[in-house]
């Protein structure tokens, strides 16, 4: 589980290049993947929301891929310059067949940005459409914070838990990207 947030840092925003580069690759993959983690919360948030660092985790991009889409997804990633990166999780037993792909892009002279995609194979996820993307259904996504995702202190996660407990659909709710009181 994630560490408690430093509330003095609330208000910090993700750099625009991180959001832009994430959305660029997700747009190319959108017919093949199911978005999870912070990018799923991003898609479920109101369009045009402020990209607060504590609202959605954009350090990496978590996606699930149905087995029949794996080869095409890997091909798209490789065509876009992504390479397989070995991690300590690659050979652990599990149903998701985890892989990591990364690409480093130069932002300006001497400054680089790494785009990381954590890729899980899975055929049995319940999904919804949110802002043009297929994402893990919110209640299912919340259950992943026990074993797949770690940023359970993000505002979107906390807000979605509270909204669902009240019987309110969190999709499009402004609380998913609002600084908590």
Foldseek 3Di string as FASTA:
>chain_A
DDDADDLVLWPDFDDPVLVVVVVVLCVVCQVFKAWAFQVLLVLLAAPPFTHTCQLGPSLATEIEGEPVRVVVSVVSCVVVPWDWDDDPPQPDDDDFNWTKIKHWDAPDVPDIDIYIYIYTYDDDFDWDAGNRGTYGQLVVSLVCCVPNDPSCSRQLNVVCVVCVVVVHRSRHPNSSRDDDD
